[in-house]
Amino acid sequence: MRIHVVVSVVLVALAVSCLVPGTHAQGWEAVAAAVAQKLVGLFRNEEVELLGRICKLTVKPYIKRFQLYHKGTMSCPGWTHIKGEGDTRSASGVANKTIQDFVRKAFASGVIQEGEAQHWLKS
């Protein structure tokens, strides 16, 4: 989901709340705030420790065929140029899929050993 979509939704909600009479406007403001908070919560930008290295994991939502999906990317700057990617409908599962993709690519390129890779691929 692009940032302009989020901004558009919030602006429409605020515009509607301005047009509603005063007693109902407070309810719309609460709804708009809750929707905005939910949308912001879909984006994640975290640091993950992988084999003693700090890596960056980013998750962004997007809509495909009227369904919400999550795209994850993982990179470890200063260690390797490999970039792991994952794409699922599950907000919690996208991180695991992204990390597993990174580990597979790192093992294939010889950055990590088989024993280290197996630990991450089993979980």
PDB file of N, CA and C in Angstrom:
ATOM      1  N   MET A   1       0.852  -1.158   0.000  1.00  0.00           N
ATOM      2  CA  MET A   1       0.000   0.000   0.000  1.00  0.00           C
ATOM      3  C   MET A   1       0.903   1.227   0.000  1.00  0.00           C
ATOM      4  N   ARG A   2       0.682   2.100  -0.880  1.00  0.00           N
ATOM      5  CA  ARG A   2       1.497   3.296  -0.994  1.00  0.00           C
ATOM      6  C   ARG A   2       1.054   4.336   0.039  1.00  0.00           C
ATOM      7  N   ILE A   3       1.964   5.210   0.375  1.00  0.00           N
ATOM      8  CA  ILE A   3       1.693   6.218   1.397  1.00  0.00           C
ATOM      9  C   ILE A   3       0.573   7.153   0.967  1.00  0.00           C
ATOM     10  N   HIS A   4       0.443   7.411  -0.342  1.00  0.00           N
ATOM     11  CA  HIS A   4      -0.625   8.317  -0.775  1.00  0.00           C
ATOM     12  C   HIS A   4      -2.002   7.701  -0.553  1.00  0.00           C
ATOM     13  N   VAL A   5      -2.094   6.382  -0.539  1.00  0.00           N
ATOM     14  CA  VAL A   5      -3.369   5.732  -0.246  1.00  0.00           C
ATOM     15  C   VAL A   5      -3.728   5.955   1.214  1.00  0.00           C
ATOM     16  N   VAL A   6      -2.764   5.803   2.102  1.00  0.00           N
ATOM     17  CA  VAL A   6      -2.991   6.012   3.529  1.00  0.00           C
ATOM     18  C   VAL A   6      -3.400   7.462   3.780  1.00  0.00           C
ATOM     19  N   VAL A   7      -2.678   8.380   3.188  1.00  0.00           N
ATOM     20  CA  VAL A   7      -2.988   9.796   3.369  1.00  0.00           C
ATOM     21  C   VAL A   7      -4.381  10.100   2.820  1.00  0.00           C
ATOM     22  N   SER A   8      -4.738   9.527   1.683  1.00  0.00           N
ATOM     23  CA  SER A   8      -6.064   9.755   1.092  1.00  0.00           C
ATOM     24  C   SER A   8      -7.174   9.261   2.014  1.00  0.00           C
ATOM     25  N   VAL A   9      -7.001   8.078   2.591  1.00  0.00           N
ATOM     26  CA  VAL A   9      -8.011   7.532   3.499  1.00  0.00           C
ATOM     27  C   VAL A   9      -8.180   8.435   4.713  1.00  0.00           C
ATOM     28  N   VAL A  10      -7.089   8.885   5.283  1.00  0.00           N
ATOM     29  CA  VAL A  10      -7.159   9.759   6.451  1.00  0.00           C
ATOM     30  C   VAL A  10      -7.808  11.088   6.083  1.00  0.00           C
ATOM     31  N   LEU A  11      -7.464  11.660   4.946  1.00  0.00           N
ATOM     32  CA  LEU A  11      -8.062  12.931   4.532  1.00  0.00           C
ATOM     33  C   LEU A  11      -9.551  12.810   4.264  1.00  0.00           C
ATOM     34  N   VAL A  12      -9.973  11.723   3.657  1.00  0.00           N
ATOM     35  CA  VAL A  12     -11.406  11.515   3.423  1.00  0.00           C
ATOM     36  C   VAL A  12     -12.135  11.384   4.751  1.00  0.00           C
ATOM     37  N   ALA A  13     -11.568  10.643   5.682  1.00  0.00           N
ATOM     38  CA  ALA A  13     -12.195  10.483   7.001  1.00  0.00           C
ATOM     39  C   ALA A  13     -12.292  11.822   7.720  1.00  0.00           C
ATOM     40  N   LEU A  14     -11.266  12.644   7.629  1.00  0.00           N
ATOM     41  CA  LEU A  14     -11.307  13.951   8.270  1.00  0.00           C
ATOM     42  C   LEU A  14     -12.304  14.874   7.586  1.00  0.00           C
ATOM     43  N   ALA A  15     -12.403  14.796   6.260  1.00  0.00           N
ATOM     44  CA  ALA A  15     -13.361  15.625   5.538  1.00  0.00           C
ATOM     45  C   ALA A  15     -14.782  15.241   5.917  1.00  0.00           C
ATOM     46  N   VAL A  16     -15.055  13.965   6.039  1.00  0.00           N
ATOM     47  CA  VAL A  16     -16.386  13.511   6.437  1.00  0.00           C
ATOM     48  C   VAL A  16     -16.694  13.966   7.850  1.00  0.00           C
ATOM     49  N   SER A  17     -15.697  13.907   8.721  1.00  0.00           N
ATOM     50  CA  SER A  17     -15.936  14.320  10.106  1.00  0.00           C
ATOM     51  C   SER A  17     -16.234  15.813  10.207  1.00  0.00           C
ATOM     52  N   CYS A  18     -15.723  16.619   9.283  1.00  0.00           N
ATOM     53  CA  CYS A  18     -16.017  18.050   9.288  1.00  0.00           C
ATOM     54  C   CYS A  18     -17.445  18.330   8.816  1.00  0.00           C
ATOM     55  N   LEU A  19     -17.995  17.473   7.972  1.00  0.00           N
ATOM     56  CA  LEU A  19     -19.331  17.671   7.424  1.00  0.00           C
ATOM     57  C   LEU A  19     -20.436  17.151   8.343  1.00  0.00           C
ATOM     58  N   VAL A  20     -20.090  16.308   9.279  1.00  0.00           N
ATOM     59  CA  VAL A  20     -21.067  15.717  10.191  1.00  0.00           C
ATOM     60  C   VAL A  20     -21.332  16.694  11.330  1.00  0.00           C
ATOM     61  N   PRO A  21     -22.583  16.782  11.829  1.00  0.00           N
ATOM     62  CA  PRO A  21     -22.880  17.674  12.957  1.00  0.00           C
ATOM     63  C   PRO A  21     -21.992  17.386  14.165  1.00  0.00           C
ATOM     64  N   GLY A  22     -21.865  18.345  15.041  1.00  0.00           N
ATOM     65  CA  GLY A  22     -20.939  18.306  16.166  1.00  0.00           C
ATOM     66  C   GLY A  22     -21.001  17.064  17.028  1.00  0.00           C
ATOM     67  N   THR A  23     -22.183  16.590  17.365  1.00  0.00           N
ATOM     68  CA  THR A  23     -22.271  15.428  18.248  1.00  0.00           C
ATOM     69  C   THR A  23     -21.772  14.164  17.561  1.00  0.00           C
ATOM     70  N   HIS A  24     -21.984  14.054  16.254  1.00  0.00           N
ATOM     71  CA  HIS A  24     -21.525  12.881  15.525  1.00  0.00           C
ATOM     72  C   HIS A  24     -20.061  12.997  15.107  1.00  0.00           C
ATOM     73  N   ALA A  25     -19.559  14.222  15.038  1.00  0.00           N
ATOM     74  CA  ALA A  25     -18.185  14.439  14.587  1.00  0.00           C
ATOM     75  C   ALA A  25     -17.187  13.789  15.532  1.00  0.00           C
ATOM     76  N   GLN A  26     -17.489  13.803  16.830  1.00  0.00           N
ATOM     77  CA  GLN A  26     -16.567  13.196  17.783  1.00  0.00           C
ATOM     78  C   GLN A  26     -16.436  11.695  17.531  1.00  0.00           C
ATOM     79  N   GLY A  27     -17.537  11.063  17.186  1.00  0.00           N
ATOM     80  CA  GLY A  27     -17.490   9.638  16.876  1.00  0.00           C
ATOM     81  C   GLY A  27     -16.673   9.365  15.628  1.00  0.00           C
ATOM     82  N   TRP A  28     -16.835  10.214  14.596  1.00  0.00           N
ATOM     83  CA  TRP A  28     -16.081  10.049  13.364  1.00  0.00           C
ATOM     84  C   TRP A  28     -14.592  10.296  13.587  1.00  0.00           C
ATOM     85  N   GLU A  29     -14.273  11.252  14.443  1.00  0.00           N
ATOM     86  CA  GLU A  29     -12.857  11.516  14.741  1.00  0.00           C
ATOM     87  C   GLU A  29     -12.216  10.308  15.410  1.00  0.00           C
ATOM     88  N   ALA A  30     -12.946   9.674  16.296  1.00  0.00           N
ATOM     89  CA  ALA A  30     -12.416   8.474  16.961  1.00  0.00           C
ATOM     90  C   ALA A  30     -12.228   7.343  15.954  1.00  0.00           C
ATOM     91  N   VAL A  31     -13.183   7.202  15.036  1.00  0.00           N
ATOM     92  CA  VAL A  31     -13.067   6.169  14.005  1.00  0.00           C
ATOM     93  C   VAL A  31     -11.878   6.458  13.094  1.00  0.00           C
ATOM     94  N   ALA A  32     -11.734   7.713  12.678  1.00  0.00           N
ATOM     95  CA  ALA A  32     -10.615   8.085  11.799  1.00  0.00           C
ATOM     96  C   ALA A  32      -9.281   7.840  12.497  1.00  0.00           C
ATOM     97  N   ALA A  33      -9.194   8.169  13.770  1.00  0.00           N
ATOM     98  CA  ALA A  33      -7.953   7.946  14.515  1.00  0.00           C
ATOM     99  C   ALA A  33      -7.651   6.454  14.633  1.00  0.00           C
ATOM    100  N   ALA A  34      -8.681   5.650  14.870  1.00  0.00           N
ATOM    101  CA  ALA A  34      -8.482   4.201  14.989  1.00  0.00           C
ATOM    102  C   ALA A  34      -8.044   3.599  13.652  1.00  0.00           C
ATOM    103  N   VAL A  35      -8.656   4.047  12.549  1.00  0.00           N
ATOM    104  CA  VAL A  35      -8.287   3.551  11.228  1.00  0.00           C
ATOM    105  C   VAL A  35      -6.852   3.935  10.893  1.00  0.00           C
ATOM    106  N   ALA A  36      -6.494   5.183  11.174  1.00  0.00           N
ATOM    107  CA  ALA A  36      -5.131   5.639  10.900  1.00  0.00           C
ATOM    108  C   ALA A  36      -4.114   4.841  11.719  1.00  0.00           C
ATOM    109  N   GLN A  37      -4.436   4.570  12.971  1.00  0.00           N
ATOM    110  CA  GLN A  37      -3.526   3.807  13.821  1.00  0.00           C
ATOM    111  C   GLN A  37      -3.365   2.373  13.301  1.00  0.00           C
ATOM    112  N   LYS A  38      -4.461   1.761  12.836  1.00  0.00           N
ATOM    113  CA  LYS A  38      -4.382   0.412  12.271  1.00  0.00           C
ATOM    114  C   LYS A  38      -3.525   0.384  11.013  1.00  0.00           C
ATOM    115  N   LEU A  39      -3.697   1.381  10.145  1.00  0.00           N
ATOM    116  CA  LEU A  39      -2.920   1.431   8.906  1.00  0.00           C
ATOM    117  C   LEU A  39      -1.435   1.596   9.181  1.00  0.00           C
ATOM    118  N   VAL A  40      -1.094   2.475  10.107  1.00  0.00           N
ATOM    119  CA  VAL A  40       0.318   2.689  10.443  1.00  0.00           C
ATOM    120  C   VAL A  40       0.910   1.429  11.064  1.00  0.00           C
ATOM    121  N   GLY A  41       0.093   0.683  11.819  1.00  0.00           N
ATOM    122  CA  GLY A  41       0.561  -0.546  12.456  1.00  0.00           C
ATOM    123  C   GLY A  41       0.889  -1.667  11.476  1.00  0.00           C
ATOM    124  N   LEU A  42       0.425  -1.554  10.231  1.00  0.00           N
ATOM    125  CA  LEU A  42       0.718  -2.580   9.239  1.00  0.00           C
ATOM    126  C   LEU A  42       2.150  -2.501   8.725  1.00  0.00           C
ATOM    127  N   PHE A  43       2.777  -1.351   8.865  1.00  0.00           N
ATOM    128  CA  PHE A  43       4.156  -1.156   8.409  1.00  0.00           C
ATOM    129  C   PHE A  43       5.100  -1.511   9.545  1.00  0.00           C
ATOM    130  N   ARG A  44       6.161  -2.276   9.240  1.00  0.00           N
ATOM    131  CA  ARG A  44       7.171  -2.631  10.247  1.00  0.00           C
ATOM    132  C   ARG A  44       8.553  -2.358   9.688  1.00  0.00           C
ATOM    133  N   ASN A  45       9.409  -1.842  10.537  1.00  0.00           N
ATOM    134  CA  ASN A  45      10.798  -1.584  10.188  1.00  0.00           C
ATOM    135  C   ASN A  45      11.615  -1.933  11.426  1.00  0.00           C
ATOM    136  N   GLU A  46      12.219  -3.121  11.434  1.00  0.00           N
ATOM    137  CA  GLU A  46      12.879  -3.625  12.643  1.00  0.00           C
ATOM    138  C   GLU A  46      14.299  -4.075  12.368  1.00  0.00           C
ATOM    139  N   GLU A  47      15.021  -4.249  13.452  1.00  0.00           N
ATOM    140  CA  GLU A  47      16.348  -4.859  13.381  1.00  0.00           C
ATOM    141  C   GLU A  47      16.237  -6.276  13.927  1.00  0.00           C
ATOM    142  N   VAL A  48      16.845  -7.218  13.226  1.00  0.00           N
ATOM    143  CA  VAL A  48      16.809  -8.632  13.598  1.00  0.00           C
ATOM    144  C   VAL A  48      18.245  -9.121  13.704  1.00  0.00           C
ATOM    145  N   GLU A  49      18.537  -9.912  14.739  1.00  0.00           N
ATOM    146  CA  GLU A  49      19.877 -10.477  14.865  1.00  0.00           C
ATOM    147  C   GLU A  49      19.897 -11.838  14.170  1.00  0.00           C
ATOM    148  N   LEU A  50      20.807 -11.996  13.251  1.00  0.00           N
ATOM    149  CA  LEU A  50      20.957 -13.250  12.512  1.00  0.00           C
ATOM    150  C   LEU A  50      22.423 -13.649  12.547  1.00  0.00           C
ATOM    151  N   LEU A  51      22.717 -14.753  13.235  1.00  0.00           N
ATOM    152  CA  LEU A  51      24.084 -15.269  13.343  1.00  0.00           C
ATOM    153  C   LEU A  51      25.052 -14.216  13.869  1.00  0.00           C
ATOM    154  N   GLY A  52      24.612 -13.474  14.866  1.00  0.00           N
ATOM    155  CA  GLY A  52      25.454 -12.462  15.486  1.00  0.00           C
ATOM    156  C   GLY A  52      25.565 -11.170  14.696  1.00  0.00           C
ATOM    157  N   ARG A  53      24.846 -11.036  13.632  1.00  0.00           N
ATOM    158  CA  ARG A  53      24.855  -9.817  12.803  1.00  0.00           C
ATOM    159  C   ARG A  53      23.504  -9.130  12.915  1.00  0.00           C
ATOM    160  N   ILE A  54      23.523  -7.811  12.867  1.00  0.00           N
ATOM    161  CA  ILE A  54      22.285  -7.039  12.901  1.00  0.00           C
ATOM    162  C   ILE A  54      21.804  -6.817  11.464  1.00  0.00           C
ATOM    163  N   CYS A  55      20.568  -7.226  11.192  1.00  0.00           N
ATOM    164  CA  CYS A  55      19.989  -7.103   9.860  1.00  0.00           C
ATOM    165  C   CYS A  55      18.714  -6.268   9.944  1.00  0.00           C
ATOM    166  N   LYS A  56      18.328  -5.697   8.811  1.00  0.00           N
ATOM    167  CA  LYS A  56      17.132  -4.865   8.752  1.00  0.00           C
ATOM    168  C   LYS A  56      16.002  -5.646   8.090  1.00  0.00           C
ATOM    169  N   LEU A  57      14.855  -5.685   8.762  1.00  0.00           N
ATOM    170  CA  LEU A  57      13.664  -6.345   8.244  1.00  0.00           C
ATOM    171  C   LEU A  57      12.575  -5.298   8.070  1.00  0.00           C
ATOM    172  N   THR A  58      12.047  -5.203   6.865  1.00  0.00           N
ATOM    173  CA  THR A  58      11.000  -4.237   6.560  1.00  0.00           C
ATOM    174  C   THR A  58       9.792  -4.978   6.018  1.00  0.00           C
ATOM    175  N   VAL A  59       8.614  -4.648   6.539  1.00  0.00           N
ATOM    176  CA  VAL A  59       7.362  -5.242   6.074  1.00  0.00           C
ATOM    177  C   VAL A  59       6.426  -4.111   5.670  1.00  0.00           C
ATOM    178  N   LYS A  60       5.887  -4.230   4.455  1.00  0.00           N
ATOM    179  CA  LYS A  60       4.951  -3.227   3.936  1.00  0.00           C
ATOM    180  C   LYS A  60       3.707  -3.929   3.407  1.00  0.00           C
ATOM    181  N   PRO A  61       2.535  -3.388   3.694  1.00  0.00           N
ATOM    182  CA  PRO A  61       1.309  -3.982   3.163  1.00  0.00           C
ATOM    183  C   PRO A  61       1.030  -3.476   1.746  1.00  0.00           C
ATOM    184  N   TYR A  62       0.306  -4.276   0.987  1.00  0.00           N
ATOM    185  CA  TYR A  62      -0.186  -3.830  -0.315  1.00  0.00           C
ATOM    186  C   TYR A  62      -1.448  -4.615  -0.643  1.00  0.00           C
ATOM    187  N   ILE A  63      -2.222  -4.100  -1.578  1.00  0.00           N
ATOM    188  CA  ILE A  63      -3.473  -4.744  -1.948  1.00  0.00           C
ATOM    189  C   ILE A  63      -3.318  -5.371  -3.323  1.00  0.00           C
ATOM    190  N   LYS A  64      -3.721  -6.647  -3.414  1.00  0.00           N
ATOM    191  CA  LYS A  64      -3.654  -7.392  -4.666  1.00  0.00           C
ATOM    192  C   LYS A  64      -4.971  -8.148  -4.817  1.00  0.00           C
ATOM    193  N   ARG A  65      -5.678  -7.883  -5.891  1.00  0.00           N
ATOM    194  CA  ARG A  65      -6.978  -8.518  -6.142  1.00  0.00           C
ATOM    195  C   ARG A  65      -7.920  -8.339  -4.959  1.00  0.00           C
ATOM    196  N   PHE A  66      -7.976  -7.147  -4.426  1.00  0.00           N
ATOM    197  CA  PHE A  66      -8.856  -6.762  -3.326  1.00  0.00           C
ATOM    198  C   PHE A  66      -8.571  -7.520  -2.035  1.00  0.00           C
ATOM    199  N   GLN A  67      -7.336  -8.004  -1.879  1.00  0.00           N
ATOM    200  CA  GLN A  67      -6.934  -8.674  -0.654  1.00  0.00           C
ATOM    201  C   GLN A  67      -5.647  -8.051  -0.139  1.00  0.00           C
ATOM    202  N   LEU A  68      -5.510  -8.019   1.178  1.00  0.00           N
ATOM    203  CA  LEU A  68      -4.330  -7.433   1.812  1.00  0.00           C
ATOM    204  C   LEU A  68      -3.199  -8.453   1.849  1.00  0.00           C
ATOM    205  N   TYR A  69      -2.052  -8.067   1.333  1.00  0.00           N
ATOM    206  CA  TYR A  69      -0.836  -8.876   1.353  1.00  0.00           C
ATOM    207  C   TYR A  69       0.255  -8.106   2.086  1.00  0.00           C
ATOM    208  N   HIS A  70       1.310  -8.822   2.452  1.00  0.00           N
ATOM    209  CA  HIS A  70       2.453  -8.209   3.134  1.00  0.00           C
ATOM    210  C   HIS A  70       3.720  -8.611   2.396  1.00  0.00           C
ATOM    211  N   LYS A  71       4.554  -7.631   2.096  1.00  0.00           N
ATOM    212  CA  LYS A  71       5.826  -7.880   1.415  1.00  0.00           C
ATOM    213  C   LYS A  71       6.948  -7.566   2.389  1.00  0.00           C
ATOM    214  N   GLY A  72       7.821  -8.533   2.568  1.00  0.00           N
ATOM    215  CA  GLY A  72       8.945  -8.355   3.471  1.00  0.00           C
ATOM    216  C   GLY A  72      10.264  -8.341   2.722  1.00  0.00           C
ATOM    217  N   THR A  73      11.188  -7.523   3.196  1.00  0.00           N
ATOM    218  CA  THR A  73      12.551  -7.512   2.667  1.00  0.00           C
ATOM    219  C   THR A  73      13.514  -7.525   3.847  1.00  0.00           C
ATOM    220  N   MET A  74      14.633  -8.201   3.645  1.00  0.00           N
ATOM    221  CA  MET A  74      15.651  -8.288   4.698  1.00  0.00           C
ATOM    222  C   MET A  74      17.017  -8.135   4.071  1.00  0.00           C
ATOM    223  N   SER A  75      17.828  -7.301   4.690  1.00  0.00           N
ATOM    224  CA  SER A  75      19.209  -7.125   4.239  1.00  0.00           C
ATOM    225  C   SER A  75      20.102  -6.950   5.456  1.00  0.00           C
ATOM    226  N   CYS A  76      21.368  -7.252   5.262  1.00  0.00           N
ATOM    227  CA  CYS A  76      22.351  -7.128   6.337  1.00  0.00           C
ATOM    228  C   CYS A  76      23.500  -6.261   5.839  1.00  0.00           C
ATOM    229  N   PRO A  77      23.336  -4.940   5.889  1.00  0.00           N
ATOM    230  CA  PRO A  77      24.393  -4.050   5.414  1.00  0.00           C
ATOM    231  C   PRO A  77      25.679  -4.257   6.219  1.00  0.00           C
ATOM    232  N   GLY A  78      26.790  -4.218   5.547  1.00  0.00           N
ATOM    233  CA  GLY A  78      28.065  -4.409   6.201  1.00  0.00           C
ATOM    234  C   GLY A  78      28.479  -5.875   6.299  1.00  0.00           C
ATOM    235  N   TRP A  79      27.593  -6.786   5.955  1.00  0.00           N
ATOM    236  CA  TRP A  79      27.921  -8.208   5.989  1.00  0.00           C
ATOM    237  C   TRP A  79      27.870  -8.789   4.585  1.00  0.00           C
ATOM    238  N   THR A  80      26.725  -8.629   3.913  1.00  0.00           N
ATOM    239  CA  THR A  80      26.558  -9.173   2.580  1.00  0.00           C
ATOM    240  C   THR A  80      25.550  -8.335   1.800  1.00  0.00           C
ATOM    241  N   HIS A  81      25.609  -8.429   0.507  1.00  0.00           N
ATOM    242  CA  HIS A  81      24.688  -7.676  -0.350  1.00  0.00           C
ATOM    243  C   HIS A  81      23.401  -8.444  -0.643  1.00  0.00           C
ATOM    244  N   ILE A  82      23.265  -9.634  -0.097  1.00  0.00           N
ATOM    245  CA  ILE A  82      22.098 -10.486  -0.339  1.00  0.00           C
ATOM    246  C   ILE A  82      20.853  -9.824   0.246  1.00  0.00           C
ATOM    247  N   LYS A  83      19.747  -9.988  -0.477  1.00  0.00           N
ATOM    248  CA  LYS A  83      18.483  -9.413  -0.043  1.00  0.00           C
ATOM    249  C   LYS A  83      17.417 -10.515  -0.030  1.00  0.00           C
ATOM    250  N   GLY A  84      16.875 -10.791   1.151  1.00  0.00           N
ATOM    251  CA  GLY A  84      15.804 -11.774   1.272  1.00  0.00           C
ATOM    252  C   GLY A  84      14.463 -11.107   1.044  1.00  0.00           C
ATOM    253  N   GLU A  85      13.545 -11.836   0.420  1.00  0.00           N
ATOM    254  CA  GLU A  85      12.220 -11.287   0.136  1.00  0.00           C
ATOM    255  C   GLU A  85      11.152 -12.317   0.452  1.00  0.00           C
ATOM    256  N   GLY A  86      10.030 -11.846   0.929  1.00  0.00           N
ATOM    257  CA  GLY A  86       8.898 -12.715   1.215  1.00  0.00           C
ATOM    258  C   GLY A  86       7.612 -11.996   0.895  1.00  0.00           C
ATOM    259  N   ASP A  87       6.593 -12.777   0.558  1.00  0.00           N
ATOM    260  CA  ASP A  87       5.322 -12.202   0.133  1.00  0.00           C
ATOM    261  C   ASP A  87       4.211 -13.154   0.559  1.00  0.00           C
ATOM    262  N   THR A  88       3.397 -12.743   1.545  1.00  0.00           N
ATOM    263  CA  THR A  88       2.301 -13.594   2.011  1.00  0.00           C
ATOM    264  C   THR A  88       1.103 -12.748   2.394  1.00  0.00           C
ATOM    265  N   ARG A  89       0.002 -13.418   2.677  1.00  0.00           N
ATOM    266  CA  ARG A  89      -1.175 -12.735   3.198  1.00  0.00           C
ATOM    267  C   ARG A  89      -1.095 -12.629   4.714  1.00  0.00           C
ATOM    268  N   SER A  90      -0.197 -13.360   5.320  1.00  0.00           N
ATOM    269  CA  SER A  90      -0.082 -13.390   6.772  1.00  0.00           C
ATOM    270  C   SER A  90       0.883 -12.315   7.269  1.00  0.00           C
ATOM    271  N   ALA A  91       0.398 -11.453   8.144  1.00  0.00           N
ATOM    272  CA  ALA A  91       1.249 -10.400   8.699  1.00  0.00           C
ATOM    273  C   ALA A  91       2.355 -10.981   9.576  1.00  0.00           C
ATOM    274  N   SER A  92       2.056 -12.067  10.281  1.00  0.00           N
ATOM    275  CA  SER A  92       3.062 -12.670  11.151  1.00  0.00           C
ATOM    276  C   SER A  92       3.982 -13.620  10.386  1.00  0.00           C
ATOM    277  N   GLY A  93       3.487 -14.255   9.350  1.00  0.00           N
ATOM    278  CA  GLY A  93       4.279 -15.225   8.610  1.00  0.00           C
ATOM    279  C   GLY A  93       5.252 -14.630   7.619  1.00  0.00           C
ATOM    280  N   VAL A  94       5.055 -13.373   7.247  1.00  0.00           N
ATOM    281  CA  VAL A  94       5.929 -12.769   6.234  1.00  0.00           C
ATOM    282  C   VAL A  94       7.359 -12.624   6.747  1.00  0.00           C
ATOM    283  N   ALA A  95       7.545 -12.373   8.024  1.00  0.00           N
ATOM    284  CA  ALA A  95       8.900 -12.237   8.576  1.00  0.00           C
ATOM    285  C   ALA A  95       9.650 -13.560   8.470  1.00  0.00           C
ATOM    286  N   ASN A  96       8.992 -14.670   8.831  1.00  0.00           N
ATOM    287  CA  ASN A  96       9.644 -15.981   8.742  1.00  0.00           C
ATOM    288  C   ASN A  96       9.996 -16.333   7.308  1.00  0.00           C
ATOM    289  N   LYS A  97       9.078 -16.082   6.399  1.00  0.00           N
ATOM    290  CA  LYS A  97       9.319 -16.395   4.998  1.00  0.00           C
ATOM    291  C   LYS A  97      10.471 -15.548   4.438  1.00  0.00           C
ATOM    292  N   THR A  98      10.549 -14.297   4.846  1.00  0.00           N
ATOM    293  CA  THR A  98      11.608 -13.402   4.383  1.00  0.00           C
ATOM    294  C   THR A  98      12.964 -13.842   4.919  1.00  0.00           C
ATOM    295  N   ILE A  99      13.016 -14.199   6.199  1.00  0.00           N
ATOM    296  CA  ILE A  99      14.274 -14.658   6.805  1.00  0.00           C
ATOM    297  C   ILE A  99      14.725 -15.963   6.149  1.00  0.00           C
ATOM    298  N   GLN A 100      13.799 -16.881   5.916  1.00  0.00           N
ATOM    299  CA  GLN A 100      14.159 -18.146   5.270  1.00  0.00           C
ATOM    300  C   GLN A 100      14.695 -17.913   3.856  1.00  0.00           C
ATOM    301  N   ASP A 101      14.106 -16.974   3.122  1.00  0.00           N
ATOM    302  CA  ASP A 101      14.607 -16.661   1.787  1.00  0.00           C
ATOM    303  C   ASP A 101      16.024 -16.102   1.857  1.00  0.00           C
ATOM    304  N   PHE A 102      16.279 -15.231   2.834  1.00  0.00           N
ATOM    305  CA  PHE A 102      17.615 -14.660   3.017  1.00  0.00           C
ATOM    306  C   PHE A 102      18.623 -15.770   3.316  1.00  0.00           C
ATOM    307  N   VAL A 103      18.257 -16.680   4.239  1.00  0.00           N
ATOM    308  CA  VAL A 103      19.169 -17.759   4.636  1.00  0.00           C
ATOM    309  C   VAL A 103      19.447 -18.686   3.455  1.00  0.00           C
ATOM    310  N   ARG A 104      18.430 -19.019   2.671  1.00  0.00           N
ATOM    311  CA  ARG A 104      18.640 -19.863   1.479  1.00  0.00           C
ATOM    312  C   ARG A 104      19.625 -19.216   0.507  1.00  0.00           C
ATOM    313  N   LYS A 105      19.437 -17.928   0.263  1.00  0.00           N
ATOM    314  CA  LYS A 105      20.322 -17.216  -0.663  1.00  0.00           C
ATOM    315  C   LYS A 105      21.743 -17.112  -0.103  1.00  0.00           C
ATOM    316  N   ALA A 106      21.853 -16.877   1.208  1.00  0.00           N
ATOM    317  CA  ALA A 106      23.171 -16.771   1.838  1.00  0.00           C
ATOM    318  C   ALA A 106      23.892 -18.110   1.806  1.00  0.00           C
ATOM    319  N   PHE A 107      23.177 -19.204   2.029  1.00  0.00           N
ATOM    320  CA  PHE A 107      23.778 -20.532   1.961  1.00  0.00           C
ATOM    321  C   PHE A 107      24.204 -20.853   0.531  1.00  0.00           C
ATOM    322  N   ALA A 108      23.355 -20.541  -0.427  1.00  0.00           N
ATOM    323  CA  ALA A 108      23.672 -20.825  -1.836  1.00  0.00           C
ATOM    324  C   ALA A 108      24.900 -20.063  -2.310  1.00  0.00           C
ATOM    325  N   SER A 109      25.116 -18.878  -1.764  1.00  0.00           N
ATOM    326  CA  SER A 109      26.277 -18.092  -2.182  1.00  0.00           C
ATOM    327  C   SER A 109      27.509 -18.359  -1.326  1.00  0.00           C
ATOM    328  N   GLY A 110      27.386 -19.213  -0.293  1.00  0.00           N
ATOM    329  CA  GLY A 110      28.533 -19.571   0.531  1.00  0.00           C
ATOM    330  C   GLY A 110      28.819 -18.634   1.686  1.00  0.00           C
ATOM    331  N   VAL A 111      27.913 -17.732   1.982  1.00  0.00           N
ATOM    332  CA  VAL A 111      28.126 -16.792   3.091  1.00  0.00           C
ATOM    333  C   VAL A 111      27.974 -17.482   4.440  1.00  0.00           C
ATOM    334  N   ILE A 112      27.058 -18.447   4.535  1.00  0.00           N
ATOM    335  CA  ILE A 112      26.868 -19.195   5.781  1.00  0.00           C
ATOM    336  C   ILE A 112      27.007 -20.688   5.490  1.00  0.00           C
ATOM    337  N   GLN A 113      27.254 -21.450   6.546  1.00  0.00           N
ATOM    338  CA  GLN A 113      27.463 -22.893   6.429  1.00  0.00           C
ATOM    339  C   GLN A 113      26.129 -23.636   6.544  1.00  0.00           C
ATOM    340  N   GLU A 114      26.133 -24.910   6.178  1.00  0.00           N
ATOM    341  CA  GLU A 114      24.908 -25.707   6.156  1.00  0.00           C
ATOM    342  C   GLU A 114      24.268 -25.825   7.540  1.00  0.00           C
ATOM    343  N   GLY A 115      25.071 -26.025   8.570  1.00  0.00           N
ATOM    344  CA  GLY A 115      24.531 -26.149   9.928  1.00  0.00           C
ATOM    345  C   GLY A 115      23.818 -24.888  10.379  1.00  0.00           C
ATOM    346  N   GLU A 116      24.387 -23.746  10.063  1.00  0.00           N
ATOM    347  CA  GLU A 116      23.748 -22.473  10.416  1.00  0.00           C
ATOM    348  C   GLU A 116      22.455 -22.292   9.631  1.00  0.00           C
ATOM    349  N   ALA A 117      22.463 -22.670   8.381  1.00  0.00           N
ATOM    350  CA  ALA A 117      21.281 -22.515   7.532  1.00  0.00           C
ATOM    351  C   ALA A 117      20.146 -23.426   8.004  1.00  0.00           C
ATOM    352  N   GLN A 118      20.474 -24.681   8.365  1.00  0.00           N
ATOM    353  CA  GLN A 118      19.443 -25.626   8.782  1.00  0.00           C
ATOM    354  C   GLN A 118      18.688 -25.139  10.008  1.00  0.00           C
ATOM    355  N   HIS A 119      19.390 -24.502  10.931  1.00  0.00           N
ATOM    356  CA  HIS A 119      18.727 -23.982  12.133  1.00  0.00           C
ATOM    357  C   HIS A 119      17.639 -22.989  11.769  1.00  0.00           C
ATOM    358  N   TRP A 120      17.887 -22.110  10.841  1.00  0.00           N
ATOM    359  CA  TRP A 120      16.917 -21.075  10.457  1.00  0.00           C
ATOM    360  C   TRP A 120      15.842 -21.601   9.513  1.00  0.00           C
ATOM    361  N   LEU A 121      16.168 -22.610   8.731  1.00  0.00           N
ATOM    362  CA  LEU A 121      15.185 -23.136   7.791  1.00  0.00           C
ATOM    363  C   LEU A 121      14.162 -24.053   8.453  1.00  0.00           C
ATOM    364  N   LYS A 122      14.519 -24.627   9.594  1.00  0.00           N
ATOM    365  CA  LYS A 122      13.588 -25.488  10.307  1.00  0.00           C
ATOM    366  C   LYS A 122      12.548 -24.684  11.070  1.00  0.00           C
ATOM    367  N   SER A 123      12.880 -23.492  11.509  1.00  0.00           N
ATOM    368  CA  SER A 123      11.947 -22.707  12.336  1.00  0.00           C
ATOM    369  C   SER A 123      10.981 -21.920  11.513  1.00  0.00           C
TER     370      SER A 123
END
